[in-house]
Amino acid sequence: MKKKVIAALGIKNEEGFIEKTLNVLNRFCDKIIVVDDHSTDNTESICKSFEKVEWYTNIEHDWKVRSDGQQKTIAIDAIKNHNPDYVLFLDADEIPFRNMPDFIDNLDDVINLWKLPFVHLWKYETHYRVDEFYTSEGIHVDYDPFNPFDSGSKKGFLMKWLDGFDYKYRLDHHVLPMEPDNVPKPHMESNETGILHYGKLSEHFTSGRKDNEYAAMRSHTMGFDLNKRIKHHEECRDENTMILKKIDPSWLWGDE
């Protein structure tokens, strides 16, 4: 690659996906910054088997009070030692499209943040969900990552690194976007590349356990009604409205 890329991952108990993700990132990233939130499975040993991985541990905290801001700040501080051209923010179950390296190498360096499609694989690794609906509480849910009218289907995965800039995350909120809170403009969206999200295929998600954990967190920290939050997640997970679309094979790395 012409550009120097650092990947930054915040993770916890990811032995089911992390090796798949690291195998891809290892191909084009100069370093992979991993900030672990006190995993109790084999995540650490898997990560440390990759030479490019730098391993950090998040601060101690109550599991119901997510410390995204602290975890991401640790990653930012680690990135400063490397001064990359770009930072790719990911979770352990998120894999960039195969054309990500070419996309980065050909970027217009005027743009400081790229928001890219977040493709939820569903039921199969070969299909993703694209339906749109409203929950019983009137909350709009749109699974189509390429919907030009819904910016919520894209996330700030890719950031141009400005050496010396004081990147900040909010420490008073518990669920945060990928990118720092103060990334300077201009920002831009693109459908030329994207991120495959494998998390919806896991038993942790399909069983409802992951959603119940999120509901407990938001009830504890934000005062939401726990039963309403559980119901919201159940409706988002429900497949009655589901429309699946086949992925483009060119998105895949082949042996990731």
C-alpha atoms as a PDB file:
ATOM      1  CA  MET A   1       0.000   0.000   0.000  1.00  0.00           C
ATOM      2  CA  LYS A   2       1.010   3.598  -0.604  1.00  0.00           C
ATOM      3  CA  LYS A   3      -0.715   4.785   2.570  1.00  0.00           C
ATOM      4  CA  LYS A   4       0.141   3.782   6.130  1.00  0.00           C
ATOM      5  CA  VAL A   5      -2.932   2.347   7.868  1.00  0.00           C
ATOM      6  CA  ILE A   6      -3.474   1.509  11.519  1.00  0.00           C
ATOM      7  CA  ALA A   7      -6.495  -0.556  12.569  1.00  0.00           C
ATOM      8  CA  ALA A   8      -7.986   0.105  16.017  1.00  0.00           C
ATOM      9  CA  LEU A   9     -10.235  -2.513  17.611  1.00  0.00           C
ATOM     10  CA  GLY A  10     -12.142  -2.416  20.884  1.00  0.00           C
ATOM     11  CA  ILE A  11     -12.976  -5.992  21.854  1.00  0.00           C
ATOM     12  CA  LYS A  12     -14.251  -8.359  24.535  1.00  0.00           C
ATOM     13  CA  ASN A  13     -14.569 -12.170  24.433  1.00  0.00           C
ATOM     14  CA  GLU A  14     -14.200 -12.405  20.663  1.00  0.00           C
ATOM     15  CA  GLU A  15     -12.558 -15.811  20.168  1.00  0.00           C
ATOM     16  CA  GLY A  16     -15.281 -16.741  17.662  1.00  0.00           C
ATOM     17  CA  PHE A  17     -14.458 -13.933  15.183  1.00  0.00           C
ATOM     18  CA  ILE A  18     -11.190 -12.218  16.010  1.00  0.00           C
ATOM     19  CA  GLU A  19      -8.851 -14.531  14.079  1.00  0.00           C
ATOM     20  CA  LYS A  20     -10.916 -14.111  10.906  1.00  0.00           C
ATOM     21  CA  THR A  21     -10.749 -10.334  11.250  1.00  0.00           C
ATOM     22  CA  LEU A  22      -7.046 -10.195  12.093  1.00  0.00           C
ATOM     23  CA  ASN A  23      -6.165 -12.414   9.126  1.00  0.00           C
ATOM     24  CA  VAL A  24      -7.634  -9.747   6.847  1.00  0.00           C
ATOM     25  CA  LEU A  25      -6.223  -6.705   8.649  1.00  0.00           C
ATOM     26  CA  ASN A  26      -2.797  -8.344   8.734  1.00  0.00           C
ATOM     27  CA  ARG A  27      -2.656  -8.117   4.941  1.00  0.00           C
ATOM     28  CA  PHE A  28      -2.714  -4.340   4.610  1.00  0.00           C
ATOM     29  CA  CYS A  29      -2.427  -2.650   8.020  1.00  0.00           C
ATOM     30  CA  ASP A  30       0.940  -1.574   9.418  1.00  0.00           C
ATOM     31  CA  LYS A  31      -0.237  -2.090  13.009  1.00  0.00           C
ATOM     32  CA  ILE A  32      -3.365  -3.386  14.699  1.00  0.00           C
ATOM     33  CA  ILE A  33      -4.152  -1.672  17.999  1.00  0.00           C
ATOM     34  CA  VAL A  34      -6.324  -3.925  20.173  1.00  0.00           C
ATOM     35  CA  VAL A  35      -7.889  -2.592  23.380  1.00  0.00           C
ATOM     36  CA  ASP A  36      -9.432  -5.475  25.273  1.00  0.00           C
ATOM     37  CA  ASP A  37     -12.278  -5.034  27.758  1.00  0.00           C
ATOM     38  CA  HIS A  38     -11.143  -7.825  30.126  1.00  0.00           C
ATOM     39  CA  SER A  39     -11.854 -10.884  27.996  1.00  0.00           C
ATOM     40  CA  THR A  40     -12.144 -14.220  29.791  1.00  0.00           C
ATOM     41  CA  ASP A  41     -11.904 -16.512  26.745  1.00  0.00           C
ATOM     42  CA  ASN A  42      -9.010 -17.161  24.333  1.00  0.00           C
ATOM     43  CA  THR A  43      -9.139 -13.703  22.747  1.00  0.00           C
ATOM     44  CA  GLU A  44      -5.814 -12.548  24.181  1.00  0.00           C
ATOM     45  CA  SER A  45      -3.796 -15.562  23.042  1.00  0.00           C
ATOM     46  CA  ILE A  46      -5.268 -15.364  19.528  1.00  0.00           C
ATOM     47  CA  CYS A  47      -4.504 -11.656  19.221  1.00  0.00           C
ATOM     48  CA  LYS A  48      -0.969 -11.973  20.544  1.00  0.00           C
ATOM     49  CA  SER A  49      -0.204 -14.655  17.964  1.00  0.00           C
ATOM     50  CA  PHE A  50      -0.253 -11.868  15.330  1.00  0.00           C
ATOM     51  CA  GLU A  51       3.012  -9.927  15.202  1.00  0.00           C
ATOM     52  CA  LYS A  52       1.330  -6.692  14.107  1.00  0.00           C
ATOM     53  CA  VAL A  53      -1.011  -6.600  17.110  1.00  0.00           C
ATOM     54  CA  GLU A  54      -0.332  -4.197  19.970  1.00  0.00           C
ATOM     55  CA  TRP A  55      -2.309  -5.341  23.030  1.00  0.00           C
ATOM     56  CA  TYR A  56      -3.827  -2.928  25.572  1.00  0.00           C
ATOM     57  CA  THR A  57      -6.351  -3.411  28.366  1.00  0.00           C
ATOM     58  CA  ASN A  58      -9.284  -1.146  29.157  1.00  0.00           C
ATOM     59  CA  ILE A  59      -9.837   0.356  32.596  1.00  0.00           C
ATOM     60  CA  GLU A  60     -11.726  -1.679  35.198  1.00  0.00           C
ATOM     61  CA  HIS A  61     -15.446  -0.870  35.269  1.00  0.00           C
ATOM     62  CA  ASP A  62     -18.917  -2.190  36.079  1.00  0.00           C
ATOM     63  CA  TRP A  63     -20.037  -4.269  33.052  1.00  0.00           C
ATOM     64  CA  LYS A  64     -23.367  -2.384  33.025  1.00  0.00           C
ATOM     65  CA  VAL A  65     -21.523   0.899  32.509  1.00  0.00           C
ATOM     66  CA  ARG A  66     -19.789   0.671  29.146  1.00  0.00           C
ATOM     67  CA  SER A  67     -16.574   2.656  29.045  1.00  0.00           C
ATOM     68  CA  ASP A  68     -16.362   3.179  25.284  1.00  0.00           C
ATOM     69  CA  GLY A  69     -14.787   6.609  25.693  1.00  0.00           C
ATOM     70  CA  GLN A  70     -11.936   5.316  27.840  1.00  0.00           C
ATOM     71  CA  GLN A  71     -11.389   2.263  25.649  1.00  0.00           C
ATOM     72  CA  LYS A  72     -11.228   4.352  22.472  1.00  0.00           C
ATOM     73  CA  THR A  73      -9.014   6.979  24.121  1.00  0.00           C
ATOM     74  CA  ILE A  74      -6.493   4.258  24.968  1.00  0.00           C
ATOM     75  CA  ALA A  75      -6.453   3.337  21.268  1.00  0.00           C
ATOM     76  CA  ILE A  76      -5.948   6.955  20.181  1.00  0.00           C
ATOM     77  CA  ASP A  77      -3.016   7.358  22.574  1.00  0.00           C
ATOM     78  CA  ALA A  78      -1.429   4.190  21.174  1.00  0.00           C
ATOM     79  CA  ILE A  79      -1.892   5.353  17.576  1.00  0.00           C
ATOM     80  CA  LYS A  80       0.070   8.550  18.304  1.00  0.00           C
ATOM     81  CA  ASN A  81       3.263   6.484  18.450  1.00  0.00           C
ATOM     82  CA  HIS A  82       2.846   5.436  14.808  1.00  0.00           C
ATOM     83  CA  ASN A  83       1.605   8.583  12.992  1.00  0.00           C
ATOM     84  CA  PRO A  84      -0.328   6.755  10.244  1.00  0.00           C
ATOM     85  CA  ASP A  85      -2.002   8.237   7.194  1.00  0.00           C
ATOM     86  CA  TYR A  86      -5.356   6.649   8.085  1.00  0.00           C
ATOM     87  CA  VAL A  87      -7.022   4.875  10.994  1.00  0.00           C
ATOM     88  CA  LEU A  88      -9.591   2.137  10.418  1.00  0.00           C
ATOM     89  CA  PHE A  89     -11.911   1.744  13.426  1.00  0.00           C
ATOM     90  CA  LEU A  90     -13.505  -1.698  13.777  1.00  0.00           C
ATOM     91  CA  ASP A  91     -14.991  -4.187  16.198  1.00  0.00           C
ATOM     92  CA  ALA A  92     -13.769  -7.784  16.226  1.00  0.00           C
ATOM     93  CA  ASP A  93     -16.690  -9.037  14.118  1.00  0.00           C
ATOM     94  CA  GLU A  94     -16.277  -6.430  11.369  1.00  0.00           C
ATOM     95  CA  ILE A  95     -14.273  -7.104   8.202  1.00  0.00           C
ATOM     96  CA  PRO A  96     -13.626  -4.526   5.468  1.00  0.00           C
ATOM     97  CA  PHE A  97     -14.446  -5.239   1.843  1.00  0.00           C
ATOM     98  CA  ARG A  98     -11.580  -6.626  -0.200  1.00  0.00           C
ATOM     99  CA  ASN A  99     -11.168  -3.326  -2.070  1.00  0.00           C
ATOM    100  CA  MET A 100     -10.507  -1.333   1.128  1.00  0.00           C
ATOM    101  CA  PRO A 101      -6.723  -1.047   0.520  1.00  0.00           C
ATOM    102  CA  ASP A 102      -7.253   0.310  -3.017  1.00  0.00           C
ATOM    103  CA  PHE A 103      -9.976   2.650  -1.759  1.00  0.00           C
ATOM    104  CA  ILE A 104      -7.597   4.111   0.846  1.00  0.00           C
ATOM    105  CA  ASP A 105      -4.662   4.429  -1.531  1.00  0.00           C
ATOM    106  CA  ASN A 106      -6.795   6.424  -3.984  1.00  0.00           C
ATOM    107  CA  LEU A 107      -8.493   8.718  -1.470  1.00  0.00           C
ATOM    108  CA  ASP A 108      -8.775  12.469  -1.760  1.00  0.00           C
ATOM    109  CA  ASP A 109      -6.747  13.504   1.293  1.00  0.00           C
ATOM    110  CA  VAL A 110      -8.878  16.614   1.776  1.00  0.00           C
ATOM    111  CA  ILE A 111     -11.539  14.463   3.521  1.00  0.00           C
ATOM    112  CA  ASN A 112     -10.926  13.803   7.232  1.00  0.00           C
ATOM    113  CA  LEU A 113     -13.623  11.183   7.879  1.00  0.00           C
ATOM    114  CA  TRP A 114     -15.256   8.587   5.649  1.00  0.00           C
ATOM    115  CA  LYS A 115     -18.605   7.061   6.648  1.00  0.00           C
ATOM    116  CA  LEU A 116     -19.052   3.675   5.039  1.00  0.00           C
ATOM    117  CA  PRO A 117     -21.866   1.101   4.668  1.00  0.00           C
ATOM    118  CA  PHE A 118     -22.355  -1.297   7.575  1.00  0.00           C
ATOM    119  CA  VAL A 119     -23.540  -4.579   6.035  1.00  0.00           C
ATOM    120  CA  HIS A 120     -25.361  -6.860   8.501  1.00  0.00           C
ATOM    121  CA  LEU A 121     -24.872 -10.465   7.409  1.00  0.00           C
ATOM    122  CA  TRP A 122     -27.981 -12.392   8.460  1.00  0.00           C
ATOM    123  CA  LYS A 123     -28.664 -16.142   8.703  1.00  0.00           C
ATOM    124  CA  TYR A 124     -25.872 -16.883   6.201  1.00  0.00           C
ATOM    125  CA  GLU A 125     -22.438 -15.457   5.454  1.00  0.00           C
ATOM    126  CA  THR A 126     -23.626 -14.986   1.869  1.00  0.00           C
ATOM    127  CA  HIS A 127     -26.639 -12.733   2.569  1.00  0.00           C
ATOM    128  CA  TYR A 128     -27.321  -9.412   4.230  1.00  0.00           C
ATOM    129  CA  ARG A 129     -30.498  -7.774   5.488  1.00  0.00           C
ATOM    130  CA  VAL A 130     -32.085  -4.798   3.663  1.00  0.00           C
ATOM    131  CA  ASP A 131     -35.641  -4.383   5.025  1.00  0.00           C
ATOM    132  CA  GLU A 132     -37.004  -1.255   6.713  1.00  0.00           C
ATOM    133  CA  PHE A 133     -39.747  -0.898   9.343  1.00  0.00           C
ATOM    134  CA  TYR A 134     -40.966   0.890  12.468  1.00  0.00           C
ATOM    135  CA  THR A 135     -41.064  -0.712  15.904  1.00  0.00           C
ATOM    136  CA  SER A 136     -44.176  -0.617  18.089  1.00  0.00           C
ATOM    137  CA  GLU A 137     -42.659   2.468  19.772  1.00  0.00           C
ATOM    138  CA  GLY A 138     -42.377   4.222  16.409  1.00  0.00           C
ATOM    139  CA  ILE A 139     -38.590   3.859  16.100  1.00  0.00           C
ATOM    140  CA  HIS A 140     -37.364   3.679  12.515  1.00  0.00           C
ATOM    141  CA  VAL A 141     -35.145   0.683  11.695  1.00  0.00           C
ATOM    142  CA  ASP A 142     -33.399   0.486   8.326  1.00  0.00           C
ATOM    143  CA  TYR A 143     -31.113  -2.459   7.577  1.00  0.00           C
ATOM    144  CA  ASP A 144     -30.228  -1.325   4.048  1.00  0.00           C
ATOM    145  CA  PRO A 145     -26.569  -0.220   4.255  1.00  0.00           C
ATOM    146  CA  PHE A 146     -26.714   1.460   0.859  1.00  0.00           C
ATOM    147  CA  ASN A 147     -29.847   3.527   1.464  1.00  0.00           C
ATOM    148  CA  PRO A 148     -28.926   7.042   0.277  1.00  0.00           C
ATOM    149  CA  PHE A 149     -31.614   8.591   2.473  1.00  0.00           C
ATOM    150  CA  ASP A 150     -30.539   7.106   5.804  1.00  0.00           C
ATOM    151  CA  SER A 151     -27.148   8.218   7.096  1.00  0.00           C
ATOM    152  CA  GLY A 152     -27.665   5.934  10.101  1.00  0.00           C
ATOM    153  CA  SER A 153     -26.780   2.956   7.914  1.00  0.00           C
ATOM    154  CA  LYS A 154     -23.221   4.279   7.618  1.00  0.00           C
ATOM    155  CA  LYS A 155     -20.567   4.646  10.306  1.00  0.00           C
ATOM    156  CA  GLY A 156     -17.315   6.595  10.562  1.00  0.00           C
ATOM    157  CA  PHE A 157     -14.964   3.681  10.106  1.00  0.00           C
ATOM    158  CA  LEU A 158     -12.132   5.441   8.283  1.00  0.00           C
ATOM    159  CA  MET A 159     -10.374   8.580   9.564  1.00  0.00           C
ATOM    160  CA  LYS A 160      -7.485  10.554   8.141  1.00  0.00           C
ATOM    161  CA  TRP A 161      -4.911  10.928  10.922  1.00  0.00           C
ATOM    162  CA  LEU A 162      -3.905  14.521  11.663  1.00  0.00           C
ATOM    163  CA  ASP A 163      -0.628  14.354  13.541  1.00  0.00           C
ATOM    164  CA  GLY A 164      -0.677  16.560  16.633  1.00  0.00           C
ATOM    165  CA  PHE A 165      -4.467  16.984  16.647  1.00  0.00           C
ATOM    166  CA  ASP A 166      -6.054  16.392  20.058  1.00  0.00           C
ATOM    167  CA  TYR A 167      -8.691  13.772  19.270  1.00  0.00           C
ATOM    168  CA  LYS A 168     -11.355  13.452  21.972  1.00  0.00           C
ATOM    169  CA  TYR A 169     -14.110  11.000  22.879  1.00  0.00           C
ATOM    170  CA  ARG A 170     -16.955  11.858  25.221  1.00  0.00           C
ATOM    171  CA  LEU A 171     -16.514  10.274  28.624  1.00  0.00           C
ATOM    172  CA  ASP A 172     -20.019  11.136  29.838  1.00  0.00           C
ATOM    173  CA  HIS A 173     -21.786   8.881  27.296  1.00  0.00           C
ATOM    174  CA  HIS A 174     -21.606   5.109  27.280  1.00  0.00           C
ATOM    175  CA  VAL A 175     -22.384   4.128  23.685  1.00  0.00           C
ATOM    176  CA  LEU A 176     -20.293   6.074  21.189  1.00  0.00           C
ATOM    177  CA  PRO A 177     -19.618   6.226  17.447  1.00  0.00           C
ATOM    178  CA  MET A 178     -16.482   4.658  16.031  1.00  0.00           C
ATOM    179  CA  GLU A 179     -14.711   7.938  15.369  1.00  0.00           C
ATOM    180  CA  PRO A 180     -13.658  10.637  17.884  1.00  0.00           C
ATOM    181  CA  ASP A 181     -16.236  13.279  18.749  1.00  0.00           C
ATOM    182  CA  ASN A 182     -14.237  16.163  17.282  1.00  0.00           C
ATOM    183  CA  VAL A 183     -12.932  14.963  13.915  1.00  0.00           C
ATOM    184  CA  PRO A 184     -12.555  18.162  11.848  1.00  0.00           C
ATOM    185  CA  LYS A 185     -14.681  18.635   8.739  1.00  0.00           C
ATOM    186  CA  PRO A 186     -14.995  17.794   5.931  1.00  0.00           C
ATOM    187  CA  HIS A 187     -16.635  14.381   6.313  1.00  0.00           C
ATOM    188  CA  MET A 188     -18.000  12.312   3.438  1.00  0.00           C
ATOM    189  CA  GLU A 189     -20.020   9.149   2.806  1.00  0.00           C
ATOM    190  CA  SER A 190     -19.131   6.537   0.204  1.00  0.00           C
ATOM    191  CA  ASN A 191     -20.585   3.274  -1.100  1.00  0.00           C
ATOM    192  CA  GLU A 192     -17.395   2.350  -2.935  1.00  0.00           C
ATOM    193  CA  THR A 193     -16.278   0.118  -0.071  1.00  0.00           C
ATOM    194  CA  GLY A 194     -17.781  -0.998   3.213  1.00  0.00           C
ATOM    195  CA  ILE A 195     -17.735  -3.266   6.247  1.00  0.00           C
ATOM    196  CA  LEU A 196     -19.175  -6.769   6.604  1.00  0.00           C
ATOM    197  CA  HIS A 197     -20.671  -7.301  10.069  1.00  0.00           C
ATOM    198  CA  TYR A 198     -20.619 -10.948  11.160  1.00  0.00           C
ATOM    199  CA  GLY A 199     -22.022 -10.373  14.648  1.00  0.00           C
ATOM    200  CA  LYS A 200     -25.649 -11.062  13.753  1.00  0.00           C
ATOM    201  CA  LEU A 201     -24.650 -14.635  12.871  1.00  0.00           C
ATOM    202  CA  SER A 202     -23.374 -15.469  16.356  1.00  0.00           C
ATOM    203  CA  GLU A 203     -25.313 -17.575  18.846  1.00  0.00           C
ATOM    204  CA  HIS A 204     -24.750 -14.795  21.372  1.00  0.00           C
ATOM    205  CA  PHE A 205     -26.918 -12.557  19.158  1.00  0.00           C
ATOM    206  CA  THR A 206     -29.479 -15.041  17.798  1.00  0.00           C
ATOM    207  CA  SER A 207     -30.233 -16.309  21.318  1.00  0.00           C
ATOM    208  CA  GLY A 208     -31.097 -12.782  22.441  1.00  0.00           C
ATOM    209  CA  ARG A 209     -28.404 -12.711  25.137  1.00  0.00           C
ATOM    210  CA  LYS A 210     -26.457  -9.879  23.539  1.00  0.00           C
ATOM    211  CA  ASP A 211     -29.553  -7.707  23.178  1.00  0.00           C
ATOM    212  CA  ASN A 212     -30.584  -8.366  26.769  1.00  0.00           C
ATOM    213  CA  GLU A 213     -27.136  -7.231  27.898  1.00  0.00           C
ATOM    214  CA  TYR A 214     -27.470  -4.024  25.882  1.00  0.00           C
ATOM    215  CA  ALA A 215     -30.931  -3.471  27.334  1.00  0.00           C
ATOM    216  CA  ALA A 216     -29.594  -3.896  30.873  1.00  0.00           C
ATOM    217  CA  MET A 217     -26.766  -1.444  30.158  1.00  0.00           C
ATOM    218  CA  ARG A 218     -29.038   1.265  28.790  1.00  0.00           C
ATOM    219  CA  SER A 219     -31.570   0.767  31.546  1.00  0.00           C
ATOM    220  CA  HIS A 220     -28.819   1.085  34.149  1.00  0.00           C
ATOM    221  CA  THR A 221     -27.015   4.106  32.682  1.00  0.00           C
ATOM    222  CA  MET A 222     -29.750   5.988  30.812  1.00  0.00           C
ATOM    223  CA  GLY A 223     -32.872   5.185  32.806  1.00  0.00           C
ATOM    224  CA  PHE A 224     -34.715   3.395  30.009  1.00  0.00           C
ATOM    225  CA  ASP A 225     -37.480   0.985  30.960  1.00  0.00           C
ATOM    226  CA  LEU A 226     -35.802  -2.422  30.871  1.00  0.00           C
ATOM    227  CA  ASN A 227     -38.812  -4.340  29.516  1.00  0.00           C
ATOM    228  CA  LYS A 228     -39.357  -1.771  26.755  1.00  0.00           C
ATOM    229  CA  ARG A 229     -35.705  -1.983  25.748  1.00  0.00           C
ATOM    230  CA  ILE A 230     -35.845  -5.781  25.636  1.00  0.00           C
ATOM    231  CA  LYS A 231     -38.989  -5.566  23.497  1.00  0.00           C
ATOM    232  CA  HIS A 232     -37.314  -3.045  21.177  1.00  0.00           C
ATOM    233  CA  HIS A 233     -34.377  -5.374  20.593  1.00  0.00           C
ATOM    234  CA  GLU A 234     -36.693  -8.348  20.060  1.00  0.00           C
ATOM    235  CA  GLU A 235     -38.566  -6.418  17.373  1.00  0.00           C
ATOM    236  CA  CYS A 236     -35.307  -5.414  15.690  1.00  0.00           C
ATOM    237  CA  ARG A 237     -34.216  -9.062  15.748  1.00  0.00           C
ATOM    238  CA  ASP A 238     -37.587 -10.329  14.508  1.00  0.00           C
ATOM    239  CA  GLU A 239     -37.503 -11.744  10.979  1.00  0.00           C
ATOM    240  CA  ASN A 240     -41.145 -11.252   9.917  1.00  0.00           C
ATOM    241  CA  THR A 241     -40.234  -8.269   7.729  1.00  0.00           C
ATOM    242  CA  MET A 242     -36.864  -9.658   6.729  1.00  0.00           C
ATOM    243  CA  ILE A 243     -35.599  -9.183   3.189  1.00  0.00           C
ATOM    244  CA  LEU A 244     -32.231 -10.708   2.420  1.00  0.00           C
ATOM    245  CA  LYS A 245     -29.959  -9.853  -0.469  1.00  0.00           C
ATOM    246  CA  LYS A 246     -26.944 -11.762  -1.745  1.00  0.00           C
ATOM    247  CA  ILE A 247     -23.591 -10.181  -1.050  1.00  0.00           C
ATOM    248  CA  ASP A 248     -21.305  -9.207  -3.902  1.00  0.00           C
ATOM    249  CA  PRO A 249     -18.581 -11.912  -4.015  1.00  0.00           C
ATOM    250  CA  SER A 250     -16.004  -9.205  -4.770  1.00  0.00           C
ATOM    251  CA  TRP A 251     -16.425  -7.971  -1.171  1.00  0.00           C
ATOM    252  CA  LEU A 252     -14.790 -11.141   0.147  1.00  0.00           C
ATOM    253  CA  TRP A 253     -11.070 -11.770   0.583  1.00  0.00           C
ATOM    254  CA  GLY A 254     -11.427 -15.427  -0.354  1.00  0.00           C
ATOM    255  CA  ASP A 255      -9.729 -17.136   2.563  1.00  0.00           C
ATOM    256  CA  GLU A 256     -10.303 -14.756   5.455  1.00  0.00           C
END
